mmCIF file of all heavy atoms, coordinates in Angstrom:
data_MODEL
# 
_entry.id   MODEL 
# 
loop_
_atom_site.group_PDB 
_atom_site.id 
_atom_site.type_symbol 
_atom_site.label_atom_id 
_atom_site.label_alt_id 
_atom_site.label_comp_id 
_atom_site.label_asym_id 
_atom_site.label_entity_id 
_atom_site.label_seq_id 
_atom_site.pdbx_PDB_ins_code 
_atom_site.Cartn_x 
_atom_site.Cartn_y 
_atom_site.Cartn_z 
_atom_site.occupancy 
_atom_site.B_iso_or_equiv 
_atom_site.pdbx_formal_charge 
_atom_site.auth_seq_id 
_atom_site.auth_comp_id 
_atom_site.auth_asym_id 
_atom_site.auth_atom_id 
_atom_site.pdbx_PDB_model_num 
ATOM 1   N N   . ILE A 1 1  ? 0.857   -1.191 -0.001  1.00 0.00 ? 1  ILE A N   1 
ATOM 2   C CA  . ILE A 1 1  ? 0.003   -0.004 0.001   1.00 0.00 ? 1  ILE A CA  1 
ATOM 3   C C   . ILE A 1 1  ? 0.900   1.231  0.004   1.00 0.00 ? 1  ILE A C   1 
ATOM 4   O O   . ILE A 1 1  ? 2.049   1.182  0.454   1.00 0.00 ? 1  ILE A O   1 
ATOM 5   C CB  . ILE A 1 1  ? -0.962  0.020  1.214   1.00 0.00 ? 1  ILE A CB  1 
ATOM 6   C CG1 . ILE A 1 1  ? -0.179  0.122  2.535   1.00 0.00 ? 1  ILE A CG1 1 
ATOM 7   C CG2 . ILE A 1 1  ? -1.859  -1.166 1.234   1.00 0.00 ? 1  ILE A CG2 1 
ATOM 8   C CD1 . ILE A 1 1  ? -1.053  0.320  3.733   1.00 0.00 ? 1  ILE A CD1 1 
ATOM 9   N N   . PRO A 1 2  ? 0.377   2.355  -0.531  1.00 0.00 ? 2  PRO A N   1 
ATOM 10  C CA  . PRO A 1 2  ? 1.212   3.571  -0.610  1.00 0.00 ? 2  PRO A CA  1 
ATOM 11  C C   . PRO A 1 2  ? 1.581   4.101  0.793   1.00 0.00 ? 2  PRO A C   1 
ATOM 12  O O   . PRO A 1 2  ? 0.743   4.091  1.708   1.00 0.00 ? 2  PRO A O   1 
ATOM 13  C CB  . PRO A 1 2  ? 0.325   4.574  -1.352  1.00 0.00 ? 2  PRO A CB  1 
ATOM 14  C CG  . PRO A 1 2  ? -1.019  3.967  -1.458  1.00 0.00 ? 2  PRO A CG  1 
ATOM 15  C CD  . PRO A 1 2  ? -0.949  2.537  -1.125  1.00 0.00 ? 2  PRO A CD  1 
ATOM 16  N N   . LEU A 1 3  ? 2.821   4.517  0.957   1.00 0.00 ? 3  LEU A N   1 
ATOM 17  C CA  . LEU A 1 3  ? 3.288   5.090  2.221   1.00 0.00 ? 3  LEU A CA  1 
ATOM 18  C C   . LEU A 1 3  ? 2.985   6.579  2.254   1.00 0.00 ? 3  LEU A C   1 
ATOM 19  O O   . LEU A 1 3  ? 3.307   7.310  1.307   1.00 0.00 ? 3  LEU A O   1 
ATOM 20  C CB  . LEU A 1 3  ? 4.806   4.840  2.385   1.00 0.00 ? 3  LEU A CB  1 
ATOM 21  C CG  . LEU A 1 3  ? 5.231   3.391  2.453   1.00 0.00 ? 3  LEU A CG  1 
ATOM 22  C CD1 . LEU A 1 3  ? 6.770   3.328  2.499   1.00 0.00 ? 3  LEU A CD1 1 
ATOM 23  C CD2 . LEU A 1 3  ? 4.644   2.695  3.660   1.00 0.00 ? 3  LEU A CD2 1 
ATOM 24  N N   . VAL A 1 4  ? 2.359   7.043  3.328   1.00 0.00 ? 4  VAL A N   1 
ATOM 25  C CA  . VAL A 1 4  ? 2.023   8.454  3.481   1.00 0.00 ? 4  VAL A CA  1 
ATOM 26  C C   . VAL A 1 4  ? 2.802   9.004  4.676   1.00 0.00 ? 4  VAL A C   1 
ATOM 27  O O   . VAL A 1 4  ? 2.629   8.550  5.814   1.00 0.00 ? 4  VAL A O   1 
ATOM 28  C CB  . VAL A 1 4  ? 0.495   8.620  3.715   1.00 0.00 ? 4  VAL A CB  1 
ATOM 29  C CG1 . VAL A 1 4  ? 0.197   10.082 3.910   1.00 0.00 ? 4  VAL A CG1 1 
ATOM 30  C CG2 . VAL A 1 4  ? -0.269  8.053  2.541   1.00 0.00 ? 4  VAL A CG2 1 
ATOM 31  N N   . ASN A 1 5  ? 3.682   9.973  4.429   1.00 0.00 ? 5  ASN A N   1 
ATOM 32  C CA  . ASN A 1 5  ? 4.547   10.496 5.493   1.00 0.00 ? 5  ASN A CA  1 
ATOM 33  C C   . ASN A 1 5  ? 4.077   11.803 6.102   1.00 0.00 ? 5  ASN A C   1 
ATOM 34  O O   . ASN A 1 5  ? 4.569   12.247 7.134   1.00 0.00 ? 5  ASN A O   1 
ATOM 35  C CB  . ASN A 1 5  ? 5.964   10.695 4.934   1.00 0.00 ? 5  ASN A CB  1 
ATOM 36  C CG  . ASN A 1 5  ? 6.587   9.378  4.499   1.00 0.00 ? 5  ASN A CG  1 
ATOM 37  O OD1 . ASN A 1 5  ? 6.492   8.383  5.199   1.00 0.00 ? 5  ASN A OD1 1 
ATOM 38  N ND2 . ASN A 1 5  ? 7.200   9.340  3.319   1.00 0.00 ? 5  ASN A ND2 1 
ATOM 39  N N   . SER A 1 6  ? 3.101   12.457 5.441   1.00 0.00 ? 6  SER A N   1 
ATOM 40  C CA  . SER A 1 6  ? 2.604   13.721 5.970   1.00 0.00 ? 6  SER A CA  1 
ATOM 41  C C   . SER A 1 6  ? 1.196   13.952 5.477   1.00 0.00 ? 6  SER A C   1 
ATOM 42  O O   . SER A 1 6  ? 0.728   13.309 4.537   1.00 0.00 ? 6  SER A O   1 
ATOM 43  C CB  . SER A 1 6  ? 3.512   14.883 5.509   1.00 0.00 ? 6  SER A CB  1 
ATOM 44  O OG  . SER A 1 6  ? 3.425   15.056 4.123   1.00 0.00 ? 6  SER A OG  1 
ATOM 45  N N   . SER A 1 7  ? 0.520   14.923 6.136   1.00 0.00 ? 7  SER A N   1 
ATOM 46  C CA  . SER A 1 7  ? -0.867  15.227 5.721   1.00 0.00 ? 7  SER A CA  1 
ATOM 47  C C   . SER A 1 7  ? -0.853  15.812 4.303   1.00 0.00 ? 7  SER A C   1 
ATOM 48  O O   . SER A 1 7  ? -1.801  15.563 3.544   1.00 0.00 ? 7  SER A O   1 
ATOM 49  C CB  . SER A 1 7  ? -1.490  16.219 6.706   1.00 0.00 ? 7  SER A CB  1 
ATOM 50  O OG  . SER A 1 7  ? -0.715  17.415 6.770   1.00 0.00 ? 7  SER A OG  1 
ATOM 51  N N   . ALA A 1 8  ? 0.181   16.522 3.938   1.00 0.00 ? 8  ALA A N   1 
ATOM 52  C CA  . ALA A 1 8  ? 0.256   17.101 2.592   1.00 0.00 ? 8  ALA A CA  1 
ATOM 53  C C   . ALA A 1 8  ? 0.320   15.995 1.547   1.00 0.00 ? 8  ALA A C   1 
ATOM 54  O O   . ALA A 1 8  ? -0.351  16.066 0.508   1.00 0.00 ? 8  ALA A O   1 
ATOM 55  C CB  . ALA A 1 8  ? 1.470   18.009 2.483   1.00 0.00 ? 8  ALA A CB  1 
ATOM 56  N N   . GLU A 1 9  ? 1.126   14.954 1.823   1.00 0.00 ? 9  GLU A N   1 
ATOM 57  C CA  . GLU A 1 9  ? 1.209   13.829 0.913   1.00 0.00 ? 9  GLU A CA  1 
ATOM 58  C C   . GLU A 1 9  ? -0.121  13.098 0.814   1.00 0.00 ? 9  GLU A C   1 
ATOM 59  O O   . GLU A 1 9  ? -0.511  12.644 -0.254  1.00 0.00 ? 9  GLU A O   1 
ATOM 60  C CB  . GLU A 1 9  ? 2.291   12.851 1.355   1.00 0.00 ? 9  GLU A CB  1 
ATOM 61  C CG  . GLU A 1 9  ? 3.718   13.365 1.141   1.00 0.00 ? 9  GLU A CG  1 
ATOM 62  C CD  . GLU A 1 9  ? 4.752   12.302 1.478   1.00 0.00 ? 9  GLU A CD  1 
ATOM 63  O OE1 . GLU A 1 9  ? 4.360   11.122 1.612   1.00 0.00 ? 9  GLU A OE1 1 
ATOM 64  O OE2 . GLU A 1 9  ? 5.927   12.645 1.658   1.00 0.00 ? 9  GLU A OE2 1 
ATOM 65  N N   . PHE A 1 10 ? -0.797  12.997 1.954   1.00 0.00 ? 10 PHE A N   1 
ATOM 66  C CA  . PHE A 1 10 ? -2.088  12.289 1.980   1.00 0.00 ? 10 PHE A CA  1 
ATOM 67  C C   . PHE A 1 10 ? -3.121  13.002 1.104   1.00 0.00 ? 10 PHE A C   1 
ATOM 68  O O   . PHE A 1 10 ? -3.749  12.399 0.239   1.00 0.00 ? 10 PHE A O   1 
ATOM 69  C CB  . PHE A 1 10 ? -2.580  12.165 3.400   1.00 0.00 ? 10 PHE A CB  1 
ATOM 70  C CG  . PHE A 1 10 ? -3.946  11.535 3.545   1.00 0.00 ? 10 PHE A CG  1 
ATOM 71  C CD1 . PHE A 1 10 ? -4.098  10.184 3.297   1.00 0.00 ? 10 PHE A CD1 1 
ATOM 72  C CD2 . PHE A 1 10 ? -5.039  12.285 3.914   1.00 0.00 ? 10 PHE A CD2 1 
ATOM 73  C CE1 . PHE A 1 10 ? -5.344  9.580  3.393   1.00 0.00 ? 10 PHE A CE1 1 
ATOM 74  C CE2 . PHE A 1 10 ? -6.285  11.716 4.034   1.00 0.00 ? 10 PHE A CE2 1 
ATOM 75  C CZ  . PHE A 1 10 ? -6.454  10.357 3.779   1.00 0.00 ? 10 PHE A CZ  1 
ATOM 76  N N   . PHE A 1 11 ? -3.295  14.310 1.289   1.00 0.00 ? 11 PHE A N   1 
ATOM 77  C CA  . PHE A 1 11 ? -4.290  15.047 0.542   1.00 0.00 ? 11 PHE A CA  1 
ATOM 78  C C   . PHE A 1 11 ? -3.905  15.185 -0.928  1.00 0.00 ? 11 PHE A C   1 
ATOM 79  O O   . PHE A 1 11 ? -4.759  15.371 -1.787  1.00 0.00 ? 11 PHE A O   1 
ATOM 80  C CB  . PHE A 1 11 ? -4.537  16.418 1.171   1.00 0.00 ? 11 PHE A CB  1 
ATOM 81  C CG  . PHE A 1 11 ? -5.283  16.340 2.453   1.00 0.00 ? 11 PHE A CG  1 
ATOM 82  C CD1 . PHE A 1 11 ? -4.657  16.624 3.672   1.00 0.00 ? 11 PHE A CD1 1 
ATOM 83  C CD2 . PHE A 1 11 ? -6.635  15.988 2.487   1.00 0.00 ? 11 PHE A CD2 1 
ATOM 84  C CE1 . PHE A 1 11 ? -5.341  16.548 4.879   1.00 0.00 ? 11 PHE A CE1 1 
ATOM 85  C CE2 . PHE A 1 11 ? -7.334  15.915 3.662   1.00 0.00 ? 11 PHE A CE2 1 
ATOM 86  C CZ  . PHE A 1 11 ? -6.681  16.187 4.862   1.00 0.00 ? 11 PHE A CZ  1 
ATOM 87  N N   . ALA A 1 12 ? -2.609  15.061 -1.234  1.00 0.00 ? 12 ALA A N   1 
ATOM 88  C CA  . ALA A 1 12 ? -2.147  15.147 -2.629  1.00 0.00 ? 12 ALA A CA  1 
ATOM 89  C C   . ALA A 1 12 ? -2.605  13.928 -3.409  1.00 0.00 ? 12 ALA A C   1 
ATOM 90  O O   . ALA A 1 12 ? -2.629  13.939 -4.676  1.00 0.00 ? 12 ALA A O   1 
ATOM 91  C CB  . ALA A 1 12 ? -0.638  15.287 -2.682  1.00 0.00 ? 12 ALA A CB  1 
ATOM 92  N N   . LEU A 1 13 ? -2.937  12.822 -2.712  1.00 0.00 ? 13 LEU A N   1 
ATOM 93  C CA  . LEU A 1 13 ? -3.346  11.608 -3.385  1.00 0.00 ? 13 LEU A CA  1 
ATOM 94  C C   . LEU A 1 13 ? -4.785  11.718 -3.934  1.00 0.00 ? 13 LEU A C   1 
ATOM 95  O O   . LEU A 1 13 ? -5.164  10.957 -4.812  1.00 0.00 ? 13 LEU A O   1 
ATOM 96  C CB  . LEU A 1 13 ? -3.263  10.413 -2.404  1.00 0.00 ? 13 LEU A CB  1 
ATOM 97  C CG  . LEU A 1 13 ? -1.860  10.021 -1.938  1.00 0.00 ? 13 LEU A CG  1 
ATOM 98  C CD1 . LEU A 1 13 ? -1.953  8.992  -0.801  1.00 0.00 ? 13 LEU A CD1 1 
ATOM 99  C CD2 . LEU A 1 13 ? -1.037  9.471  -3.092  1.00 0.00 ? 13 LEU A CD2 1 
ATOM 100 N N   . PHE A 1 14 ? -5.585  12.635 -3.395  1.00 0.00 ? 14 PHE A N   1 
ATOM 101 C CA  . PHE A 1 14 ? -6.977  12.755 -3.845  1.00 0.00 ? 14 PHE A CA  1 
ATOM 102 C C   . PHE A 1 14 ? -7.051  13.445 -5.215  1.00 0.00 ? 14 PHE A C   1 
ATOM 103 O O   . PHE A 1 14 ? -6.249  14.295 -5.531  1.00 0.00 ? 14 PHE A O   1 
ATOM 104 C CB  . PHE A 1 14 ? -7.786  13.584 -2.832  1.00 0.00 ? 14 PHE A CB  1 
ATOM 105 C CG  . PHE A 1 14 ? -8.032  12.878 -1.547  1.00 0.00 ? 14 PHE A CG  1 
ATOM 106 C CD1 . PHE A 1 14 ? -7.184  13.069 -0.447  1.00 0.00 ? 14 PHE A CD1 1 
ATOM 107 C CD2 . PHE A 1 14 ? -9.094  12.009 -1.413  1.00 0.00 ? 14 PHE A CD2 1 
ATOM 108 C CE1 . PHE A 1 14 ? -7.412  12.428 0.744   1.00 0.00 ? 14 PHE A CE1 1 
ATOM 109 C CE2 . PHE A 1 14 ? -9.334  11.364 -0.196  1.00 0.00 ? 14 PHE A CE2 1 
ATOM 110 C CZ  . PHE A 1 14 ? -8.474  11.553 0.883   1.00 0.00 ? 14 PHE A CZ  1 
ATOM 111 N N   . LYS A 1 15 ? -8.041  13.016 -5.987  1.00 0.00 ? 15 LYS A N   1 
ATOM 112 C CA  . LYS A 1 15 ? -8.315  13.654 -7.293  1.00 0.00 ? 15 LYS A CA  1 
ATOM 113 C C   . LYS A 1 15 ? -9.798  14.010 -7.328  1.00 0.00 ? 15 LYS A C   1 
ATOM 114 O O   . LYS A 1 15 ? -10.602 13.439 -6.584  1.00 0.00 ? 15 LYS A O   1 
ATOM 115 C CB  . LYS A 1 15 ? -7.984  12.719 -8.447  1.00 0.00 ? 15 LYS A CB  1 
ATOM 116 C CG  . LYS A 1 15 ? -6.483  12.335 -8.510  1.00 0.00 ? 15 LYS A CG  1 
ATOM 117 C CD  . LYS A 1 15 ? -6.185  11.413 -9.672  1.00 0.00 ? 15 LYS A CD  1 
ATOM 118 C CE  . LYS A 1 15 ? -4.731  10.997 -9.710  1.00 0.00 ? 15 LYS A CE  1 
ATOM 119 N NZ  . LYS A 1 15 ? -3.843  12.134 -9.961  1.00 0.00 ? 15 LYS A NZ  1 
ATOM 120 N N   . SER A 1 16 ? -10.176 14.942 -8.159  1.00 0.00 ? 16 SER A N   1 
ATOM 121 C CA  . SER A 1 16 ? -11.571 15.357 -8.232  1.00 0.00 ? 16 SER A CA  1 
ATOM 122 C C   . SER A 1 16 ? -12.106 15.234 -9.633  1.00 0.00 ? 16 SER A C   1 
ATOM 123 O O   . SER A 1 16 ? -11.350 15.301 -10.620 1.00 0.00 ? 16 SER A O   1 
ATOM 124 C CB  . SER A 1 16 ? -11.710 16.808 -7.740  1.00 0.00 ? 16 SER A CB  1 
ATOM 125 O OG  . SER A 1 16 ? -10.926 17.670 -8.540  1.00 0.00 ? 16 SER A OG  1 
ATOM 126 N N   . ALA A 1 17 ? -13.424 15.057 -9.735  1.00 0.00 ? 17 ALA A N   1 
ATOM 127 C CA  . ALA A 1 17 ? -14.080 14.914 -11.051 1.00 0.00 ? 17 ALA A CA  1 
ATOM 128 C C   . ALA A 1 17 ? -13.979 16.202 -11.853 1.00 0.00 ? 17 ALA A C   1 
ATOM 129 O O   . ALA A 1 17 ? -14.048 17.308 -11.295 1.00 0.00 ? 17 ALA A O   1 
ATOM 130 C CB  . ALA A 1 17 ? -15.545 14.549 -10.839 1.00 0.00 ? 17 ALA A CB  1 
ATOM 131 N N   . ASP A 1 18 ? -13.826 16.045 -13.151 1.00 0.00 ? 18 ASP A N   1 
ATOM 132 C CA  . ASP A 1 18 ? -13.724 17.190 -14.075 1.00 0.00 ? 18 ASP A CA  1 
ATOM 133 C C   . ASP A 1 18 ? -15.132 17.524 -14.574 1.00 0.00 ? 18 ASP A C   1 
ATOM 134 O O   . ASP A 1 18 ? -15.617 16.929 -15.538 1.00 0.00 ? 18 ASP A O   1 
ATOM 135 C CB  . ASP A 1 18 ? -12.794 16.853 -15.241 1.00 0.00 ? 18 ASP A CB  1 
ATOM 136 C CG  . ASP A 1 18 ? -12.589 18.002 -16.175 1.00 0.00 ? 18 ASP A CG  1 
ATOM 137 O OD1 . ASP A 1 18 ? -13.158 19.088 -15.907 1.00 0.00 ? 18 ASP A OD1 1 
ATOM 138 O OD2 . ASP A 1 18 ? -11.868 17.836 -17.187 1.00 0.00 ? 18 ASP A OD2 1 
ATOM 139 N N   . PHE A 1 19 ? -15.793 18.470 -13.910 1.00 0.00 ? 19 PHE A N   1 
ATOM 140 C CA  . PHE A 1 19 ? -17.198 18.794 -14.265 1.00 0.00 ? 19 PHE A CA  1 
ATOM 141 C C   . PHE A 1 19 ? -17.283 19.523 -15.602 1.00 0.00 ? 19 PHE A C   1 
ATOM 142 O O   . PHE A 1 19 ? -18.382 19.626 -16.137 1.00 0.00 ? 19 PHE A O   1 
ATOM 143 C CB  . PHE A 1 19 ? -17.802 19.650 -13.165 1.00 0.00 ? 19 PHE A CB  1 
ATOM 144 C CG  . PHE A 1 19 ? -18.196 18.855 -11.950 1.00 0.00 ? 19 PHE A CG  1 
ATOM 145 C CD1 . PHE A 1 19 ? -17.281 18.644 -10.916 1.00 0.00 ? 19 PHE A CD1 1 
ATOM 146 C CD2 . PHE A 1 19 ? -19.442 18.317 -11.837 1.00 0.00 ? 19 PHE A CD2 1 
ATOM 147 C CE1 . PHE A 1 19 ? -17.632 17.886 -9.800  1.00 0.00 ? 19 PHE A CE1 1 
ATOM 148 C CE2 . PHE A 1 19 ? -19.823 17.567 -10.735 1.00 0.00 ? 19 PHE A CE2 1 
ATOM 149 C CZ  . PHE A 1 19 ? -18.904 17.346 -9.705  1.00 0.00 ? 19 PHE A CZ  1 
ATOM 150 N N   . SER A 1 20 ? -16.183 19.983 -16.152 1.00 0.00 ? 20 SER A N   1 
ATOM 151 C CA  . SER A 1 20 ? -16.234 20.598 -17.467 1.00 0.00 ? 20 SER A CA  1 
ATOM 152 C C   . SER A 1 20 ? -16.575 19.578 -18.574 1.00 0.00 ? 20 SER A C   1 
ATOM 153 O O   . SER A 1 20 ? -16.949 19.952 -19.684 1.00 0.00 ? 20 SER A O   1 
ATOM 154 C CB  . SER A 1 20 ? -14.888 21.278 -17.804 1.00 0.00 ? 20 SER A CB  1 
ATOM 155 O OG  . SER A 1 20 ? -13.864 20.298 -17.958 1.00 0.00 ? 20 SER A OG  1 
ATOM 156 N N   . GLN A 1 21 ? -16.453 18.271 -18.227 1.00 0.00 ? 21 GLN A N   1 
ATOM 157 C CA  . GLN A 1 21 ? -16.735 17.222 -19.220 1.00 0.00 ? 21 GLN A CA  1 
ATOM 158 C C   . GLN A 1 21 ? -18.179 16.697 -19.137 1.00 0.00 ? 21 GLN A C   1 
ATOM 159 O O   . GLN A 1 21 ? -18.494 15.684 -19.744 1.00 0.00 ? 21 GLN A O   1 
ATOM 160 C CB  . GLN A 1 21 ? -15.756 16.053 -18.998 1.00 0.00 ? 21 GLN A CB  1 
ATOM 161 C CG  . GLN A 1 21 ? -14.320 16.369 -19.226 1.00 0.00 ? 21 GLN A CG  1 
ATOM 162 C CD  . GLN A 1 21 ? -14.047 16.699 -20.688 1.00 0.00 ? 21 GLN A CD  1 
ATOM 163 O OE1 . GLN A 1 21 ? -14.584 16.061 -21.591 1.00 0.00 ? 21 GLN A OE1 1 
ATOM 164 N NE2 . GLN A 1 21 ? -13.225 17.715 -20.934 1.00 0.00 ? 21 GLN A NE2 1 
ATOM 165 N N   . ILE A 1 22 ? -19.034 17.411 -18.418 1.00 0.00 ? 22 ILE A N   1 
ATOM 166 C CA  . ILE A 1 22 ? -20.395 16.934 -18.254 1.00 0.00 ? 22 ILE A CA  1 
ATOM 167 C C   . ILE A 1 22 ? -21.169 16.891 -19.570 1.00 0.00 ? 22 ILE A C   1 
ATOM 168 O O   . ILE A 1 22 ? -22.137 16.140 -19.725 1.00 0.00 ? 22 ILE A O   1 
ATOM 169 C CB  . ILE A 1 22 ? -21.159 17.787 -17.190 1.00 0.00 ? 22 ILE A CB  1 
ATOM 170 C CG1 . ILE A 1 22 ? -22.433 17.073 -16.744 1.00 0.00 ? 22 ILE A CG1 1 
ATOM 171 C CG2 . ILE A 1 22 ? -21.481 19.186 -17.774 1.00 0.00 ? 22 ILE A CG2 1 
ATOM 172 C CD1 . ILE A 1 22 ? -23.090 17.697 -15.554 1.00 0.00 ? 22 ILE A CD1 1 
ATOM 173 N N   . GLY A 1 23 ? -20.752 17.636 -20.554 1.00 0.00 ? 23 GLY A N   1 
ATOM 174 C CA  . GLY A 1 23 ? -21.406 17.627 -21.840 1.00 0.00 ? 23 GLY A CA  1 
ATOM 175 C C   . GLY A 1 23 ? -20.856 16.581 -22.785 1.00 0.00 ? 23 GLY A C   1 
ATOM 176 O O   . GLY A 1 23 ? -21.326 16.429 -23.920 1.00 0.00 ? 23 GLY A O   1 
ATOM 177 N N   . ASN A 1 24 ? -19.840 15.845 -22.348 1.00 0.00 ? 24 ASN A N   1 
ATOM 178 C CA  . ASN A 1 24 ? -19.191 14.820 -23.189 1.00 0.00 ? 24 ASN A CA  1 
ATOM 179 C C   . ASN A 1 24 ? -20.111 13.597 -23.298 1.00 0.00 ? 24 ASN A C   1 
ATOM 180 O O   . ASN A 1 24 ? -20.430 12.963 -22.309 1.00 0.00 ? 24 ASN A O   1 
ATOM 181 C CB  . ASN A 1 24 ? -17.838 14.433 -22.570 1.00 0.00 ? 24 ASN A CB  1 
ATOM 182 C CG  . ASN A 1 24 ? -17.050 13.488 -23.452 1.00 0.00 ? 24 ASN A CG  1 
ATOM 183 O OD1 . ASN A 1 24 ? -17.581 12.759 -24.261 1.00 0.00 ? 24 ASN A OD1 1 
ATOM 184 N ND2 . ASN A 1 24 ? -15.732 13.519 -23.264 1.00 0.00 ? 24 ASN A ND2 1 
ATOM 185 N N   . LYS A 1 25 ? -20.499 13.282 -24.532 1.00 0.00 ? 25 LYS A N   1 
ATOM 186 C CA  . LYS A 1 25 ? -21.429 12.159 -24.750 1.00 0.00 ? 25 LYS A CA  1 
ATOM 187 C C   . LYS A 1 25 ? -20.862 10.835 -24.219 1.00 0.00 ? 25 LYS A C   1 
ATOM 188 O O   . LYS A 1 25 ? -21.589 10.039 -23.625 1.00 0.00 ? 25 LYS A O   1 
ATOM 189 C CB  . LYS A 1 25 ? -21.715 12.059 -26.257 1.00 0.00 ? 25 LYS A CB  1 
ATOM 190 C CG  . LYS A 1 25 ? -22.618 10.872 -26.629 1.00 0.00 ? 25 LYS A CG  1 
ATOM 191 C CD  . LYS A 1 25 ? -22.797 10.770 -28.133 1.00 0.00 ? 25 LYS A CD  1 
ATOM 192 C CE  . LYS A 1 25 ? -23.608 9.540  -28.510 1.00 0.00 ? 25 LYS A CE  1 
ATOM 193 N NZ  . LYS A 1 25 ? -23.725 9.423  -30.003 1.00 0.00 ? 25 LYS A NZ  1 
# 
């Protein structure tokens, strides 16, 4: 499993949905 050494590293692992692609068929 990935090693997390700090809170900054932990939150850097998150990604978010690209809502600009909502019109993509």
